[in-house]
Every structure is written in C-alpha cells, then in structure tokens.
Amino acid sequence: MGRIIRSIAGGYEAQEVPFGTVYRWCPECVVLECDCGKRPTLTGATTACEQCGADYAAFVRDYMTLIQDDLAADYLLRDEATHPWRYQRTSPETGIPV
C-alpha cells in the first residue's frame, strides 16, 4: 500500500474570460506514492497507478469519504471558497461585477 504525499480538496477554479469569469470545478484528489515508486494523482474517477496497475479504488473511496466528512463540518467557513460567485461584488447601478 502506498502513502499519501498530498491531498487537495475540491473546489472551483476561477478563469478570467473576455466578458467575465468562468468557474471550473476541480475535483478533490490525492497524490499517492505507489509501491513501484511512481506518484499518481488519484481522484474518484482515476483510482489505479499508471505504471504498475495497482488499484487503489477502496483506499481512494475511504479517504474521500473522510475528506467529505471534514468538509461538511467546516461547510459554512468554506462556502465563500466553494461558491465565489455568491460573494462577488457588483455595481449598485448596473448589477455588473466589478
């Protein structure tokens, strides 16, 4: 079994476009050091090591459940990070984001 190198919580990534801002969802992921030495990035959809084929589906599912439980407890504090468009300032006259 590998060991966790890095864990990244899911959230929206803001991308500026010519007429506004687009928010793209980036799912939670885990960077794991596999027994073969490779460091795959695992998500709910990608659960196997590309080099040796080791399947970490159960590990990823359990770990993501723990992450979701922690996020649920901390939801109100993270709401601005996960839904940034709700907190974007707008002009009082036009309602257009500033």
N, C-alpha and C. Protein backbone atom coordinates (compact mmCIF):
# COMPACT_ATOMS: atom_id res chain seq x y z
N MET A 1 0.86 -1.18 0.00
CA MET A 1 0.00 0.00 0.00
C MET A 1 0.90 1.23 0.00
N GLY A 2 0.49 2.23 -0.74
CA GLY A 2 1.26 3.47 -0.84
C GLY A 2 1.03 4.39 0.34
N ARG A 3 1.66 5.55 0.27
CA ARG A 3 1.45 6.55 1.33
C ARG A 3 1.05 7.87 0.68
N ILE A 4 0.28 8.65 1.40
CA ILE A 4 -0.22 9.92 0.87
C ILE A 4 0.88 10.96 0.89
N ILE A 5 1.07 11.62 -0.24
CA ILE A 5 2.03 12.69 -0.36
C ILE A 5 1.32 14.04 -0.21
N ARG A 6 0.17 14.16 -0.87
CA ARG A 6 -0.56 15.43 -0.85
C ARG A 6 -2.04 15.18 -1.07
N SER A 7 -2.88 15.95 -0.40
CA SER A 7 -4.32 15.86 -0.56
C SER A 7 -4.86 17.25 -0.91
N ILE A 8 -5.67 17.31 -1.94
CA ILE A 8 -6.21 18.59 -2.39
C ILE A 8 -7.73 18.50 -2.37
N ALA A 9 -8.38 19.40 -1.64
CA ALA A 9 -9.84 19.42 -1.58
C ALA A 9 -10.41 19.96 -2.88
N GLY A 10 -11.59 19.53 -3.22
CA GLY A 10 -12.25 20.00 -4.44
C GLY A 10 -12.72 21.44 -4.29
N GLY A 11 -12.90 22.10 -5.41
CA GLY A 11 -13.37 23.48 -5.39
C GLY A 11 -13.42 24.05 -6.79
N TYR A 12 -13.89 25.26 -6.89
CA TYR A 12 -13.97 25.92 -8.18
C TYR A 12 -12.72 26.75 -8.43
N GLU A 13 -12.25 26.70 -9.67
CA GLU A 13 -11.10 27.50 -10.09
C GLU A 13 -11.63 28.61 -11.00
N ALA A 14 -11.34 29.86 -10.67
CA ALA A 14 -11.82 31.00 -11.46
C ALA A 14 -10.91 31.21 -12.66
N GLN A 15 -11.52 31.38 -13.82
CA GLN A 15 -10.79 31.67 -15.05
C GLN A 15 -11.37 32.93 -15.66
N GLU A 16 -10.52 33.93 -15.85
CA GLU A 16 -10.97 35.17 -16.47
C GLU A 16 -11.12 34.97 -17.98
N VAL A 17 -12.26 35.39 -18.52
CA VAL A 17 -12.53 35.34 -19.95
C VAL A 17 -12.89 36.76 -20.40
N PRO A 18 -12.92 37.04 -21.70
CA PRO A 18 -13.13 38.42 -22.16
C PRO A 18 -14.34 39.14 -21.56
N PHE A 19 -15.46 38.46 -21.33
CA PHE A 19 -16.65 39.14 -20.83
C PHE A 19 -17.08 38.70 -19.44
N GLY A 20 -16.14 38.25 -18.62
CA GLY A 20 -16.49 37.87 -17.26
C GLY A 20 -15.56 36.83 -16.69
N THR A 21 -16.11 36.03 -15.80
CA THR A 21 -15.36 34.99 -15.11
C THR A 21 -16.10 33.67 -15.25
N VAL A 22 -15.35 32.62 -15.56
CA VAL A 22 -15.90 31.28 -15.65
C VAL A 22 -15.34 30.48 -14.48
N TYR A 23 -16.20 29.71 -13.81
CA TYR A 23 -15.77 28.89 -12.69
C TYR A 23 -15.77 27.42 -13.11
N ARG A 24 -14.61 26.78 -13.03
CA ARG A 24 -14.46 25.39 -13.44
C ARG A 24 -14.25 24.53 -12.20
N TRP A 25 -15.02 23.44 -12.10
CA TRP A 25 -14.92 22.55 -10.95
C TRP A 25 -13.66 21.70 -11.06
N CYS A 26 -12.89 21.64 -9.99
CA CYS A 26 -11.71 20.78 -9.89
C CYS A 26 -11.98 19.79 -8.75
N PRO A 27 -12.13 18.50 -9.05
CA PRO A 27 -12.48 17.54 -8.01
C PRO A 27 -11.34 17.32 -7.01
N GLU A 28 -11.70 16.83 -5.83
CA GLU A 28 -10.68 16.51 -4.85
C GLU A 28 -9.78 15.40 -5.39
N CYS A 29 -8.53 15.44 -4.97
CA CYS A 29 -7.60 14.41 -5.43
C CYS A 29 -6.55 14.15 -4.36
N VAL A 30 -5.88 13.02 -4.53
CA VAL A 30 -4.85 12.59 -3.60
C VAL A 30 -3.62 12.19 -4.43
N VAL A 31 -2.46 12.74 -4.07
CA VAL A 31 -1.21 12.30 -4.68
C VAL A 31 -0.64 11.25 -3.75
N LEU A 32 -0.40 10.07 -4.30
CA LEU A 32 -0.01 8.92 -3.52
C LEU A 32 1.33 8.39 -4.03
N GLU A 33 2.21 7.97 -3.14
CA GLU A 33 3.44 7.31 -3.57
C GLU A 33 3.17 5.82 -3.60
N CYS A 34 3.17 5.27 -4.81
CA CYS A 34 2.88 3.85 -5.01
C CYS A 34 4.10 3.02 -4.61
N ASP A 35 3.89 1.72 -4.41
CA ASP A 35 4.99 0.82 -4.08
C ASP A 35 6.01 0.72 -5.21
N CYS A 36 5.59 1.02 -6.46
CA CYS A 36 6.50 0.95 -7.61
C CYS A 36 7.36 2.21 -7.73
N GLY A 37 7.09 3.24 -6.92
CA GLY A 37 7.88 4.46 -6.93
C GLY A 37 7.22 5.62 -7.66
N LYS A 38 6.21 5.36 -8.46
CA LYS A 38 5.50 6.42 -9.18
C LYS A 38 4.56 7.15 -8.22
N ARG A 39 4.25 8.41 -8.54
CA ARG A 39 3.34 9.22 -7.71
C ARG A 39 2.11 9.61 -8.51
N PRO A 40 1.12 8.71 -8.61
CA PRO A 40 -0.08 9.04 -9.37
C PRO A 40 -1.00 10.00 -8.61
N THR A 41 -1.73 10.81 -9.36
CA THR A 41 -2.76 11.67 -8.79
C THR A 41 -4.07 10.92 -8.93
N LEU A 42 -4.70 10.59 -7.82
CA LEU A 42 -5.91 9.78 -7.81
C LEU A 42 -7.13 10.62 -7.48
N THR A 43 -8.21 10.39 -8.22
CA THR A 43 -9.50 11.04 -7.98
C THR A 43 -10.55 9.96 -7.88
N GLY A 44 -11.80 10.35 -7.79
CA GLY A 44 -12.88 9.37 -7.77
C GLY A 44 -12.96 8.59 -9.07
N ALA A 45 -12.51 9.18 -10.18
CA ALA A 45 -12.57 8.52 -11.48
C ALA A 45 -11.28 7.77 -11.82
N THR A 46 -10.15 8.23 -11.32
CA THR A 46 -8.86 7.61 -11.61
C THR A 46 -8.33 7.01 -10.31
N THR A 47 -8.36 5.67 -10.22
CA THR A 47 -8.00 5.04 -8.95
C THR A 47 -6.87 4.03 -9.06
N ALA A 48 -6.18 3.97 -10.21
CA ALA A 48 -5.11 2.99 -10.38
C ALA A 48 -3.81 3.67 -10.76
N CYS A 49 -2.71 3.05 -10.39
CA CYS A 49 -1.38 3.53 -10.76
C CYS A 49 -1.16 3.26 -12.25
N GLU A 50 -0.70 4.25 -12.98
CA GLU A 50 -0.50 4.11 -14.42
C GLU A 50 0.64 3.15 -14.75
N GLN A 51 1.65 3.08 -13.90
CA GLN A 51 2.83 2.28 -14.20
C GLN A 51 2.64 0.80 -13.89
N CYS A 52 2.22 0.50 -12.67
CA CYS A 52 2.13 -0.92 -12.27
C CYS A 52 0.70 -1.46 -12.27
N GLY A 53 -0.30 -0.58 -12.38
CA GLY A 53 -1.69 -1.02 -12.42
C GLY A 53 -2.30 -1.32 -11.07
N ALA A 54 -1.61 -1.00 -9.98
CA ALA A 54 -2.16 -1.24 -8.64
C ALA A 54 -3.44 -0.44 -8.47
N ASP A 55 -4.49 -1.12 -8.01
CA ASP A 55 -5.80 -0.47 -7.87
C ASP A 55 -5.99 0.03 -6.45
N TYR A 56 -6.22 1.33 -6.32
CA TYR A 56 -6.42 1.97 -5.02
C TYR A 56 -7.86 2.45 -4.85
N ALA A 57 -8.82 1.80 -5.52
CA ALA A 57 -10.21 2.25 -5.50
C ALA A 57 -10.79 2.31 -4.08
N ALA A 58 -10.60 1.25 -3.30
CA ALA A 58 -11.14 1.22 -1.94
C ALA A 58 -10.47 2.29 -1.08
N PHE A 59 -9.16 2.44 -1.23
CA PHE A 59 -8.43 3.44 -0.47
C PHE A 59 -8.92 4.85 -0.81
N VAL A 60 -9.05 5.14 -2.10
CA VAL A 60 -9.50 6.46 -2.54
C VAL A 60 -10.91 6.73 -2.05
N ARG A 61 -11.80 5.74 -2.16
CA ARG A 61 -13.19 5.90 -1.72
C ARG A 61 -13.25 6.22 -0.22
N ASP A 62 -12.51 5.47 0.59
CA ASP A 62 -12.50 5.69 2.04
C ASP A 62 -11.90 7.04 2.40
N TYR A 63 -10.80 7.39 1.73
CA TYR A 63 -10.13 8.65 2.02
C TYR A 63 -11.01 9.84 1.62
N MET A 64 -11.66 9.75 0.45
CA MET A 64 -12.54 10.83 0.01
C MET A 64 -13.74 10.98 0.94
N THR A 65 -14.22 9.87 1.51
CA THR A 65 -15.32 9.93 2.48
C THR A 65 -14.88 10.71 3.72
N LEU A 66 -13.66 10.46 4.18
CA LEU A 66 -13.14 11.22 5.33
C LEU A 66 -13.02 12.70 5.00
N ILE A 67 -12.54 13.01 3.81
CA ILE A 67 -12.42 14.41 3.39
C ILE A 67 -13.79 15.07 3.34
N GLN A 68 -14.79 14.38 2.76
CA GLN A 68 -16.13 14.94 2.68
C GLN A 68 -16.73 15.18 4.06
N ASP A 69 -16.47 14.28 5.01
CA ASP A 69 -16.97 14.47 6.38
C ASP A 69 -16.35 15.71 7.00
N ASP A 70 -15.06 15.92 6.79
CA ASP A 70 -14.39 17.10 7.33
C ASP A 70 -14.92 18.37 6.67
N LEU A 71 -15.16 18.32 5.36
CA LEU A 71 -15.68 19.49 4.66
C LEU A 71 -17.11 19.82 5.11
N ALA A 72 -17.91 18.80 5.36
CA ALA A 72 -19.28 19.04 5.80
C ALA A 72 -19.29 19.76 7.15
N ALA A 73 -18.38 19.40 8.01
CA ALA A 73 -18.30 20.05 9.33
C ALA A 73 -17.84 21.50 9.21
N ASP A 74 -17.07 21.78 8.19
CA ASP A 74 -16.49 23.11 8.01
C ASP A 74 -17.16 23.86 6.85
N TYR A 75 -18.38 23.45 6.45
CA TYR A 75 -19.04 23.97 5.25
C TYR A 75 -19.23 25.48 5.26
N LEU A 76 -19.76 26.01 6.34
CA LEU A 76 -20.07 27.43 6.36
C LEU A 76 -18.83 28.30 6.22
N LEU A 77 -17.72 27.86 6.78
CA LEU A 77 -16.49 28.63 6.65
C LEU A 77 -15.92 28.54 5.23
N ARG A 78 -16.19 27.43 4.54
CA ARG A 78 -15.65 27.23 3.20
C ARG A 78 -16.60 27.66 2.09
N ASP A 79 -17.80 28.13 2.42
CA ASP A 79 -18.78 28.45 1.38
C ASP A 79 -18.26 29.50 0.41
N GLU A 80 -17.56 30.49 0.89
CA GLU A 80 -17.03 31.51 0.00
C GLU A 80 -15.98 30.94 -0.94
N ALA A 81 -15.22 29.97 -0.49
CA ALA A 81 -14.20 29.35 -1.34
C ALA A 81 -14.83 28.43 -2.39
N THR A 82 -15.91 27.74 -2.04
CA THR A 82 -16.52 26.81 -2.98
C THR A 82 -17.56 27.45 -3.90
N HIS A 83 -18.11 28.60 -3.50
CA HIS A 83 -19.10 29.31 -4.32
C HIS A 83 -18.74 30.80 -4.41
N PRO A 84 -17.62 31.11 -5.05
CA PRO A 84 -17.14 32.50 -5.06
C PRO A 84 -18.08 33.48 -5.75
N TRP A 85 -18.90 33.03 -6.69
CA TRP A 85 -19.79 33.95 -7.39
C TRP A 85 -20.86 34.53 -6.48
N ARG A 86 -21.15 33.86 -5.37
CA ARG A 86 -22.13 34.40 -4.43
C ARG A 86 -21.61 35.64 -3.70
N TYR A 87 -20.29 35.77 -3.64
CA TYR A 87 -19.66 36.85 -2.88
C TYR A 87 -18.98 37.88 -3.76
N GLN A 88 -19.20 37.80 -5.07
CA GLN A 88 -18.57 38.74 -5.99
C GLN A 88 -19.28 40.09 -5.89
N ARG A 89 -18.48 41.14 -5.78
CA ARG A 89 -19.07 42.47 -5.66
C ARG A 89 -19.63 42.91 -7.00
N THR A 90 -20.77 43.62 -6.96
CA THR A 90 -21.39 44.14 -8.18
C THR A 90 -21.62 45.64 -8.02
N SER A 91 -21.76 46.29 -9.16
CA SER A 91 -22.04 47.72 -9.16
C SER A 91 -23.50 47.92 -8.76
N PRO A 92 -23.82 48.84 -7.84
CA PRO A 92 -25.20 49.07 -7.41
C PRO A 92 -26.10 49.55 -8.56
N GLU A 93 -25.53 50.31 -9.49
CA GLU A 93 -26.34 50.87 -10.58
C GLU A 93 -26.70 49.83 -11.63
N THR A 94 -25.72 49.00 -12.02
CA THR A 94 -25.93 48.09 -13.14
C THR A 94 -26.05 46.64 -12.75
N GLY A 95 -25.54 46.25 -11.58
CA GLY A 95 -25.56 44.86 -11.17
C GLY A 95 -24.46 44.04 -11.84
N ILE A 96 -23.55 44.71 -12.57
CA ILE A 96 -22.47 44.04 -13.26
C ILE A 96 -21.29 43.89 -12.29
N PRO A 97 -20.63 42.72 -12.32
CA PRO A 97 -19.48 42.52 -11.42
C PRO A 97 -18.38 43.57 -11.65
N VAL A 98 -17.75 44.01 -10.54
CA VAL A 98 -16.65 44.97 -10.63
C VAL A 98 -15.34 44.28 -10.36
